[in-house]
Amino acid sequence: MEREIDLQEVSDGRLYTSADMVKIGCNDCSGCSECCRVVEDTIILDPYDISQLCQALETDFQGLLAGGRIELSVVEGVILPHLKLKEGRGGCTFLDDAGRCMIHGFRPGFCRMFPMGRIYENGDFRYFLQVHECPYPNKTKVKLKKWLGIPELARYERFVKDWHFFLKDTERKLAEAENEEIPKKINLFLLQQFFQKPYGDAFYEAFYERLSEAGAVL
């Protein structure tokens, strides 16, 4: 989810790459799961996140929906999935009774980078540290690449960038649509193209093939 922010108010004033050291180490969230309890409906999932969840949980997109693990919401005119929350202030549906993440090994990208955020500009993005988000004291420095823990990180970061700017282009097209039926058809197409069809073991190859197809259609 993209937010309007003032970096001077929310960050340490620096922009980072995944090769940088950042003061975010929190002793494996020892004794704390606050960030997983106050997320509201903000953990928007991208195609990579859905692919990872489906493979790890041995289900498909419809299974995630039917099982109450994810929900759909409209973000800037585009229908996208997000993690579902427990009732009340129970937090993420994948948070167990001990306050630990049940999908830590294949958690979504937003969860992996927390308390970092991303800022997109000039066709690319960099990370920034959200200094008010994590209450853990005396954090230690960690290389961001290690913190993210994502295989083939360069390919992943290229995907993140390309998906973001594809969504921005799609949002503009939806806003310019001449009648309400066009956004409905486009959203149904995007859900089918990028989320409902399984990716298998070659995620990036399948994603870029679908991205090319979507570009031709839109």
Protein backbone atom coordinates (compact mmCIF):
# COMPACT_ATOMS: atom_id res chain seq x y z
CA MET A 1 0.00 0.00 0.00
CA GLU A 2 1.44 3.36 -1.02
CA ARG A 3 1.25 6.19 1.51
CA GLU A 4 1.90 9.91 1.39
CA ILE A 5 4.72 10.44 3.89
CA ASP A 6 7.28 13.01 4.96
CA LEU A 7 10.58 11.13 5.11
CA GLN A 8 12.03 13.68 7.49
CA GLU A 9 9.32 12.85 10.04
CA VAL A 10 9.23 9.05 9.74
CA SER A 11 12.81 8.08 8.86
CA ASP A 12 16.41 8.65 9.90
CA GLY A 13 16.87 10.78 6.79
CA ARG A 14 18.79 8.15 4.83
CA LEU A 15 17.94 5.97 1.84
CA TYR A 16 19.35 2.45 1.70
CA THR A 17 20.06 -0.38 -0.71
CA SER A 18 19.99 -4.04 0.22
CA ALA A 19 23.80 -3.98 0.47
CA ASP A 20 23.73 -1.49 3.36
CA MET A 21 23.92 -2.08 7.10
CA VAL A 22 20.85 -0.81 8.97
CA LYS A 23 20.10 -0.60 12.69
CA ILE A 24 17.09 -2.92 12.72
CA GLY A 25 18.22 -6.08 14.55
CA CYS A 26 15.66 -6.95 17.24
CA ASN A 27 16.90 -10.28 18.63
CA ASP A 28 14.40 -12.24 16.52
CA CYS A 29 11.48 -10.16 17.86
CA SER A 30 12.17 -11.60 21.31
CA GLY A 31 9.11 -11.21 23.50
CA CYS A 32 7.25 -8.99 21.03
CA SER A 33 4.75 -9.39 18.21
CA GLU A 34 3.31 -5.87 18.26
CA CYS A 35 3.99 -5.25 14.57
CA CYS A 36 1.85 -8.27 13.67
CA ARG A 37 -1.07 -7.06 15.80
CA VAL A 38 -1.48 -3.47 14.59
CA VAL A 39 -1.17 -4.00 10.84
CA GLU A 40 -4.88 -3.44 10.03
CA ASP A 41 -5.48 -4.36 6.36
CA THR A 42 -2.17 -2.94 5.19
CA ILE A 43 -0.21 -6.03 4.17
CA ILE A 44 -1.02 -5.93 0.47
CA LEU A 45 0.19 -9.07 -1.30
CA ASP A 46 1.89 -9.16 -4.67
CA PRO A 47 2.08 -12.13 -7.06
CA TYR A 48 5.33 -13.39 -5.50
CA ASP A 49 3.76 -13.39 -2.03
CA ILE A 50 0.74 -15.34 -3.27
CA SER A 51 2.96 -17.83 -5.10
CA GLN A 52 5.00 -18.42 -1.94
CA LEU A 53 1.92 -18.86 0.26
CA CYS A 54 0.26 -21.26 -2.17
CA GLN A 55 3.34 -23.46 -2.45
CA ALA A 56 4.08 -23.52 1.27
CA LEU A 57 0.46 -24.16 2.32
CA GLU A 58 -0.16 -26.56 -0.59
CA THR A 59 -3.21 -24.69 -1.79
CA ASP A 60 -4.21 -22.24 -4.49
CA PHE A 61 -5.48 -18.65 -4.57
CA GLN A 62 -9.09 -19.71 -4.09
CA GLY A 63 -8.02 -21.90 -1.19
CA LEU A 64 -6.38 -18.93 0.53
CA LEU A 65 -9.59 -16.95 0.12
CA ALA A 66 -11.89 -19.78 1.21
CA GLY A 67 -9.64 -20.60 4.17
CA GLY A 68 -9.89 -17.07 5.51
CA ARG A 69 -6.18 -16.39 5.08
CA ILE A 70 -6.52 -13.48 2.66
CA GLU A 71 -9.15 -10.98 1.54
CA LEU A 72 -9.60 -8.70 -1.45
CA SER A 73 -9.75 -4.93 -1.28
CA VAL A 74 -9.60 -2.01 -3.69
CA VAL A 75 -6.30 -0.10 -3.66
CA GLU A 76 -6.26 3.00 -5.87
CA GLY A 77 -8.88 1.41 -8.09
CA VAL A 78 -7.12 -1.97 -8.40
CA ILE A 79 -8.45 -5.07 -6.64
CA LEU A 80 -5.58 -6.67 -4.70
CA PRO A 81 -5.29 -9.35 -2.00
CA HIS A 82 -4.13 -8.61 1.53
CA LEU A 83 -3.54 -10.69 4.66
CA LYS A 84 -6.70 -11.20 6.67
CA LEU A 85 -6.80 -10.26 10.35
CA LYS A 86 -8.27 -12.12 13.30
CA GLU A 87 -11.34 -10.68 15.00
CA GLY A 88 -10.75 -7.77 17.36
CA ARG A 89 -7.07 -6.95 17.91
CA GLY A 90 -5.88 -10.50 17.38
CA GLY A 91 -3.57 -9.39 14.59
CA CYS A 92 -2.53 -11.34 11.52
CA THR A 93 -4.30 -14.62 10.94
CA PHE A 94 -0.90 -16.33 10.77
CA LEU A 95 0.09 -15.20 14.28
CA ASP A 96 -0.04 -18.15 16.68
CA ASP A 97 -1.07 -18.13 20.36
CA ALA A 98 2.55 -17.65 21.42
CA GLY A 99 2.83 -14.53 19.30
CA ARG A 100 5.03 -16.13 16.66
CA CYS A 101 4.64 -16.13 12.88
CA MET A 102 3.44 -19.46 11.49
CA ILE A 103 4.69 -18.61 7.98
CA HIS A 104 7.97 -16.95 8.88
CA GLY A 105 9.96 -18.84 6.24
CA PHE A 106 7.66 -17.68 3.44
CA ARG A 107 6.18 -14.48 4.90
CA PRO A 108 5.22 -11.64 2.53
CA GLY A 109 7.73 -9.07 1.33
CA PHE A 110 6.25 -6.25 3.42
CA CYS A 111 6.67 -8.37 6.56
CA ARG A 112 10.24 -9.25 5.61
CA MET A 113 11.42 -5.68 5.24
CA PHE A 114 9.65 -4.22 8.31
CA PRO A 115 10.51 -1.75 9.82
CA MET A 116 11.92 -0.68 6.47
CA GLY A 117 9.75 0.88 3.79
CA ARG A 118 10.27 1.53 0.09
CA ILE A 119 10.30 4.83 -1.75
CA TYR A 120 9.88 4.76 -5.53
CA GLU A 121 11.35 7.44 -7.76
CA ASN A 122 12.98 7.77 -11.18
CA GLY A 123 11.83 4.30 -12.23
CA ASP A 124 13.49 2.56 -9.29
CA PHE A 125 13.20 2.27 -5.51
CA ARG A 126 15.29 2.43 -2.36
CA TYR A 127 14.58 1.50 1.22
CA PHE A 128 14.10 3.80 4.19
CA LEU A 129 14.02 3.08 7.93
CA GLN A 130 10.71 3.80 9.68
CA VAL A 131 12.09 4.95 13.01
CA HIS A 132 8.77 5.06 14.90
CA GLU A 133 7.39 1.65 13.92
CA CYS A 134 9.31 -0.91 16.00
CA PRO A 135 9.46 -0.38 19.81
CA TYR A 136 12.30 -2.85 20.42
CA PRO A 137 15.17 -1.04 22.24
CA ASN A 138 18.90 -1.15 21.49
CA LYS A 139 18.65 -2.49 17.98
CA THR A 140 21.77 -3.85 16.29
CA LYS A 141 23.05 -3.30 12.77
CA VAL A 142 22.17 -5.93 10.17
CA LYS A 143 22.90 -6.07 6.46
CA LEU A 144 19.56 -5.45 4.79
CA LYS A 145 20.10 -8.28 2.30
CA LYS A 146 20.37 -10.73 5.21
CA TRP A 147 17.37 -9.17 6.94
CA LEU A 148 15.18 -9.66 3.86
CA GLY A 149 16.29 -13.27 3.48
CA ILE A 150 14.98 -13.61 -0.08
CA PRO A 151 16.68 -15.95 -2.59
CA GLU A 152 17.85 -14.35 -5.84
CA LEU A 153 17.36 -10.91 -4.32
CA ALA A 154 18.36 -9.01 -7.47
CA ARG A 155 15.61 -10.76 -9.46
CA TYR A 156 13.15 -10.17 -6.64
CA GLU A 157 13.93 -6.45 -6.45
CA ARG A 158 13.55 -6.12 -10.20
CA PHE A 159 10.15 -7.81 -9.91
CA VAL A 160 9.10 -5.48 -7.06
CA LYS A 161 10.01 -2.45 -9.15
CA ASP A 162 8.32 -3.69 -12.33
CA TRP A 163 5.14 -4.75 -10.49
CA HIS A 164 4.91 -1.38 -8.73
CA PHE A 165 5.17 0.68 -11.90
CA PHE A 166 2.83 -1.67 -13.77
CA LEU A 167 0.23 -1.05 -11.05
CA LYS A 168 0.80 2.72 -11.27
CA ASP A 169 0.17 2.60 -15.04
CA THR A 170 -2.91 0.45 -14.50
CA GLU A 171 -4.28 2.85 -11.88
CA ARG A 172 -4.02 5.72 -14.35
CA LYS A 173 -5.81 3.74 -17.06
CA LEU A 174 -8.59 2.76 -14.67
CA ALA A 175 -9.03 6.39 -13.58
CA GLU A 176 -9.34 7.45 -17.23
CA ALA A 177 -11.87 4.72 -18.12
CA GLU A 178 -14.96 6.08 -19.88
CA ASN A 179 -17.45 3.79 -18.12
CA GLU A 180 -17.55 1.63 -14.98
CA GLU A 181 -17.59 -1.66 -16.88
CA ILE A 182 -14.03 -1.21 -18.12
CA PRO A 183 -12.43 -1.18 -14.60
CA LYS A 184 -14.46 -4.27 -13.68
CA LYS A 185 -13.22 -6.18 -16.72
CA ILE A 186 -9.63 -5.07 -16.20
CA ASN A 187 -9.66 -6.06 -12.53
CA LEU A 188 -11.08 -9.50 -13.30
CA PHE A 189 -8.39 -9.96 -15.93
CA LEU A 190 -5.62 -8.91 -13.52
CA LEU A 191 -6.83 -11.23 -10.77
CA GLN A 192 -6.88 -14.15 -13.18
CA GLN A 193 -3.61 -13.24 -14.89
CA PHE A 194 -1.44 -12.56 -11.86
CA PHE A 195 -3.04 -14.29 -8.88
CA GLN A 196 -5.42 -17.11 -9.73
CA LYS A 197 -3.21 -19.01 -12.16
CA PRO A 198 -0.48 -21.01 -10.34
CA TYR A 199 3.14 -20.10 -11.04
CA GLY A 200 4.88 -23.38 -10.33
CA ASP A 201 8.61 -23.41 -9.64
CA ALA A 202 9.64 -20.80 -12.22
CA PHE A 203 7.96 -17.73 -10.77
CA TYR A 204 9.94 -14.99 -12.48
CA GLU A 205 9.73 -16.52 -15.94
CA ALA A 206 5.98 -16.98 -15.60
CA PHE A 207 5.47 -13.51 -14.16
CA TYR A 208 7.27 -11.70 -16.96
CA GLU A 209 5.45 -13.72 -19.58
CA ARG A 210 2.15 -12.68 -17.99
CA LEU A 211 3.33 -9.09 -17.63
CA SER A 212 4.06 -8.97 -21.35
CA GLU A 213 0.63 -10.42 -22.13
CA ALA A 214 -1.05 -7.90 -19.83
CA GLY A 215 0.82 -5.03 -21.45
CA ALA A 216 -0.47 -6.11 -24.84
CA VAL A 217 -4.05 -6.31 -23.55
CA LEU A 218 -4.06 -3.06 -21.58
